[in-house]
Protein backbone atom coordinates (compact mmCIF):
# COMPACT_ATOMS: atom_id res chain seq x y z
CA MET A 1 -28.90 7.89 -15.41
CA GLY A 2 -28.85 10.98 -13.22
CA LEU A 3 -28.10 11.76 -9.64
CA VAL A 4 -31.06 12.36 -7.35
CA THR A 5 -31.23 14.12 -4.51
CA SER A 6 -12.27 -8.19 18.75
CA ALA A 7 -11.24 -5.51 21.00
CA THR A 8 -13.65 -5.12 23.90
CA ALA A 9 -16.78 -3.25 22.85
CA LYS A 10 -18.88 -1.09 25.11
CA PRO A 11 -21.76 -3.23 26.36
CA ARG A 12 -25.08 -2.27 24.84
CA ARG A 13 -28.19 -4.19 24.01
CA LEU A 14 -29.93 -3.94 20.69
CA ARG A 15 -33.26 -2.16 20.57
CA CYS A 16 -34.93 -5.56 20.15
CA SER A 17 -38.01 -6.74 21.93
CA THR A 18 -38.86 -10.33 22.72
CA THR A 19 -41.86 -10.19 20.39
CA SER A 20 -41.89 -9.82 16.63
CA LEU A 21 -42.02 -6.38 15.09
CA ASP A 22 -45.26 -5.19 13.50
CA VAL A 23 -43.96 -4.56 10.00
CA VAL A 24 -45.15 -1.26 8.56
CA ASN A 25 -43.67 -1.71 5.08
CA PRO A 26 -44.01 -5.40 4.09
CA ARG A 27 -43.19 -4.59 0.45
CA LEU A 28 -39.64 -3.60 1.40
CA GLN A 29 -37.26 -5.98 3.14
CA VAL A 30 -33.71 -5.45 4.38
CA CYS A 31 -30.71 -7.62 3.57
CA LEU A 32 -27.56 -6.92 5.60
CA LEU A 33 -24.48 -8.55 4.05
CA CYS A 34 -21.73 -9.61 6.44
CA GLY A 35 -20.31 -12.85 5.12
CA GLY A 36 -16.92 -11.63 3.91
CA ASP A 37 -13.46 -12.71 5.03
CA SER A 38 -12.31 -9.24 6.22
CA ARG A 39 -8.85 -10.03 4.81
CA ARG A 40 -7.77 -6.40 4.46
CA MET A 41 -8.92 -5.54 7.97
CA GLY A 42 -7.24 -8.60 9.43
CA ARG A 43 -10.15 -9.40 11.75
CA ASP A 44 -13.91 -9.82 11.48
CA LYS A 45 -15.30 -6.36 10.69
CA ALA A 46 -18.80 -7.23 11.88
CA LEU A 47 -17.44 -7.82 15.38
CA LEU A 48 -15.29 -4.68 15.64
CA PRO A 49 -16.28 -2.37 18.50
CA HIS A 50 -18.47 0.51 17.36
CA PRO A 51 -18.03 4.05 18.77
CA ASP A 52 -21.73 4.11 19.73
CA GLY A 53 -21.41 0.85 21.66
CA GLY A 54 -21.78 -2.75 20.70
CA VAL A 55 -20.10 -4.02 17.53
CA TRP A 56 -20.54 -3.01 13.91
CA LEU A 57 -23.15 -5.71 13.33
CA THR A 58 -25.37 -4.79 16.27
CA ALA A 59 -24.92 -1.05 15.69
CA MET A 60 -26.10 -1.46 12.09
CA VAL A 61 -29.12 -3.46 13.17
CA ASP A 62 -29.97 -0.65 15.59
CA GLN A 63 -30.08 1.75 12.62
CA LEU A 64 -32.27 -0.66 10.62
CA LEU A 65 -34.92 -1.38 13.23
CA PRO A 66 -36.63 2.07 12.97
CA LEU A 67 -37.33 1.37 9.27
CA GLU A 68 -39.87 -1.22 10.47
CA CYS A 69 -39.11 -3.62 7.63
CA PRO A 70 -38.28 -7.32 7.84
CA ILE A 71 -34.52 -7.68 8.39
CA GLN A 72 -32.39 -10.55 7.17
CA VAL A 73 -28.67 -10.87 7.86
CA VAL A 74 -26.76 -13.01 5.37
CA SER A 75 -23.49 -14.37 6.68
CA ARG A 76 -21.39 -17.51 6.83
CA HIS A 77 -20.18 -16.86 10.38
CA GLN A 78 -21.93 -18.54 13.32
CA ALA A 79 -20.58 -15.78 15.59
CA HIS A 80 -22.84 -13.30 13.77
CA ALA A 81 -25.90 -15.42 14.44
CA ASP A 82 -24.87 -15.67 18.07
CA GLN A 83 -24.68 -11.87 18.34
CA LEU A 84 -28.30 -11.58 17.18
CA ALA A 85 -29.75 -14.67 18.83
CA HIS A 86 -31.90 -12.64 21.24
CA CYS A 87 -33.33 -10.33 18.55
CA SER A 88 -36.57 -11.78 17.20
CA GLN A 89 -36.92 -9.02 14.59
CA VAL A 90 -33.84 -10.27 12.74
CA ARG A 91 -33.51 -13.48 10.76
CA VAL A 92 -29.99 -14.77 10.14
CA LEU A 93 -29.31 -16.83 7.02
CA LEU A 94 -26.04 -18.74 7.31
CA GLU A 95 -24.69 -19.34 3.82
CA PRO A 96 -23.37 -22.80 3.05
CA PRO A 97 -20.12 -23.04 1.09
CA PRO A 98 -19.14 -22.03 -1.49
CA THR A 99 -20.11 -18.44 -0.69
CA ASN A 100 -18.61 -16.71 -3.79
CA GLY A 101 -19.18 -13.16 -2.55
CA PRO A 102 -22.06 -10.73 -2.12
CA LEU A 103 -23.71 -11.31 -5.50
CA ASN A 104 -24.16 -14.98 -4.68
CA ALA A 105 -25.57 -13.99 -1.29
CA LEU A 106 -28.07 -11.70 -3.02
CA GLY A 107 -29.13 -14.59 -5.23
CA ARG A 108 -30.22 -16.49 -2.14
CA VAL A 109 -32.63 -13.78 -0.94
CA LEU A 110 -33.89 -11.63 -3.86
CA PRO A 111 -37.49 -12.72 -4.49
CA SER A 112 -38.36 -14.08 -7.93
CA THR A 113 -41.86 -12.57 -7.92
CA PRO A 114 -42.35 -8.84 -8.64
CA GLY A 115 -43.87 -6.32 -6.28
CA GLN A 116 -41.23 -6.41 -3.55
CA ALA A 117 -37.79 -4.90 -3.04
CA LEU A 118 -34.65 -5.37 -0.96
CA LEU A 119 -32.70 -2.66 0.78
CA VAL A 120 -29.21 -4.19 0.55
CA LEU A 121 -26.26 -2.89 2.55
CA PRO A 122 -22.87 -4.08 3.81
CA VAL A 123 -21.88 -4.26 7.44
CA ASP A 124 -18.68 -2.28 6.80
CA MET A 125 -20.32 1.16 6.49
CA PRO A 126 -20.27 1.94 10.22
CA ARG A 127 -21.34 5.59 9.77
CA LEU A 128 -24.65 4.75 8.12
CA ARG A 129 -27.66 6.11 9.97
CA THR A 130 -31.40 5.58 9.68
CA ASP A 131 -32.01 8.95 8.02
CA THR A 132 -29.52 8.22 5.23
CA LEU A 133 -31.18 4.87 4.57
CA GLN A 134 -34.56 6.60 4.48
CA GLU A 135 -33.23 9.02 1.83
CA LEU A 136 -32.25 6.09 -0.35
CA ILE A 137 -35.62 4.41 0.12
CA MET A 138 -37.53 7.58 -0.73
CA ALA A 139 -35.47 8.06 -3.88
CA TRP A 140 -36.24 4.50 -4.95
CA GLN A 141 -39.95 5.09 -4.34
CA THR A 142 -39.90 7.81 -7.01
CA ARG A 143 -38.65 5.26 -9.57
CA PRO A 144 -39.59 1.81 -8.24
CA ASP A 145 -38.86 0.24 -11.63
CA ARG A 146 -35.13 0.91 -11.21
CA ILE A 147 -32.38 -0.09 -8.81
CA ALA A 148 -31.54 2.87 -6.57
CA VAL A 149 -27.77 2.82 -5.98
CA ALA A 150 -25.96 5.01 -3.46
CA HIS A 151 -23.48 7.55 -4.86
CA ASP A 152 -21.11 9.62 -2.74
CA GLY A 153 -20.56 12.39 -5.31
CA GLU A 154 -17.47 10.74 -6.79
CA ARG A 155 -18.34 7.09 -7.20
CA PHE A 156 -21.05 4.51 -6.77
CA GLN A 157 -21.28 2.55 -3.53
CA PRO A 158 -22.94 -0.43 -5.24
CA LEU A 159 -23.54 -2.62 -2.21
CA LEU A 160 -25.85 0.04 -0.76
CA ALA A 161 -28.95 -0.12 -2.93
CA VAL A 162 -32.67 -0.76 -3.13
CA ILE A 163 -33.24 -3.59 -5.59
CA PRO A 164 -36.68 -4.51 -6.98
CA SER A 165 -37.67 -8.16 -7.04
CA GLY A 166 -38.69 -10.28 -10.00
CA PRO A 167 -37.72 -9.76 -13.64
CA PRO A 168 -35.56 -8.31 -15.04
CA PHE A 169 -33.58 -7.94 -11.81
CA GLN A 170 -33.80 -11.40 -10.29
CA THR A 171 -33.80 -13.20 -13.63
CA ALA A 172 -30.64 -11.37 -14.77
CA LEU A 173 -29.07 -12.18 -11.41
CA ILE A 174 -29.73 -15.91 -11.73
CA GLU A 175 -28.44 -15.92 -15.32
CA HIS A 176 -25.31 -14.12 -14.16
CA LEU A 177 -24.67 -16.57 -11.33
CA ASN A 178 -25.40 -19.62 -13.46
CA ALA A 179 -22.72 -18.39 -15.86
CA GLY A 180 -20.22 -18.31 -13.00
CA GLN A 181 -20.05 -14.53 -12.97
CA TRP A 182 -19.72 -13.02 -9.51
CA ARG A 183 -19.00 -9.32 -10.14
CA TRP A 184 -21.69 -7.03 -8.73
CA PHE A 185 -20.96 -4.18 -11.17
CA ASP A 186 -21.23 -6.48 -14.20
CA TRP A 187 -24.73 -7.45 -13.09
CA LEU A 188 -25.74 -3.84 -12.41
CA ASP A 189 -24.57 -2.82 -15.89
CA ARG A 190 -27.31 -4.98 -17.40
CA LEU A 191 -30.16 -3.27 -15.54
CA PRO A 192 -31.97 0.08 -15.24
CA LEU A 193 -30.76 2.06 -12.27
CA GLN A 194 -30.65 5.51 -10.76
CA ALA A 195 -27.75 7.00 -8.82
CA VAL A 196 -28.82 8.45 -5.50
CA ARG A 197 -26.52 11.10 -4.06
CA LEU A 198 -26.06 10.60 -0.32
CA PRO A 199 -23.75 12.32 2.19
CA SER A 200 -20.23 11.07 1.55
CA ASP A 201 -19.29 11.00 5.23
CA ALA A 202 -22.14 8.56 5.89
CA LEU A 203 -20.84 6.21 3.19
CA LEU A 204 -17.41 5.56 4.68
CA ASN A 205 -16.48 2.05 3.58
CA ALA A 206 -14.03 0.83 6.19
CA ASN A 207 -11.92 -2.04 4.86
CA ARG A 208 -8.43 -1.48 6.32
CA PRO A 209 -7.11 -0.78 9.82
CA GLU A 210 -6.16 2.76 8.79
CA ASP A 211 -9.81 3.47 7.94
CA LEU A 212 -10.74 3.09 11.61
CA ALA A 213 -9.20 6.45 12.47
CA ALA A 214 -12.11 8.19 10.74
CA LEU A 215 -14.49 6.61 13.25
CA LYS A 216 -12.84 8.07 16.34
CA PRO A 217 -14.96 10.72 18.12
């Protein structure tokens, strides 16, 4: 495995049209995970104001739209669906309880048939930009038989990845979940993957109030 190269938010509308997007890359889909409790932050991270305007959820969707892939947001919060209600390019899947974390959310959306892939990412990487996501996708395209996992030069950022569909990826996932195992890293350890080095500043994972200082202009 080697490295390859709710305060008031500024009002801003998503770059959504009222008609569906003509998908350029139907093989690749996007899954944005935002169903967590935000316990360490103390408030819903997806609805925090973003420096570019809007909230973290809408700002992330703005970065995803240029990829021209189907976008699915997986959450358990109705407020997230309400934020995206006017955006026909985004489908929101509201998870029923019990949610059991991001691995369980992935199990709801990773296709069982081969030939597709999911770009998976969390909502709490507010510095992610379209070009960084494109780097990850291009790296995965060189080895489409492996999971491409983001790496910041020091550690993996496992929730930012391109994950192929079908076996062994989806089958191992279902086996893992059926055994009551919810740890993302434990599932990854069973599968072929490549680490994709991406700019560390783009991979800021903001979980605590003190992390917000890094987002100030």
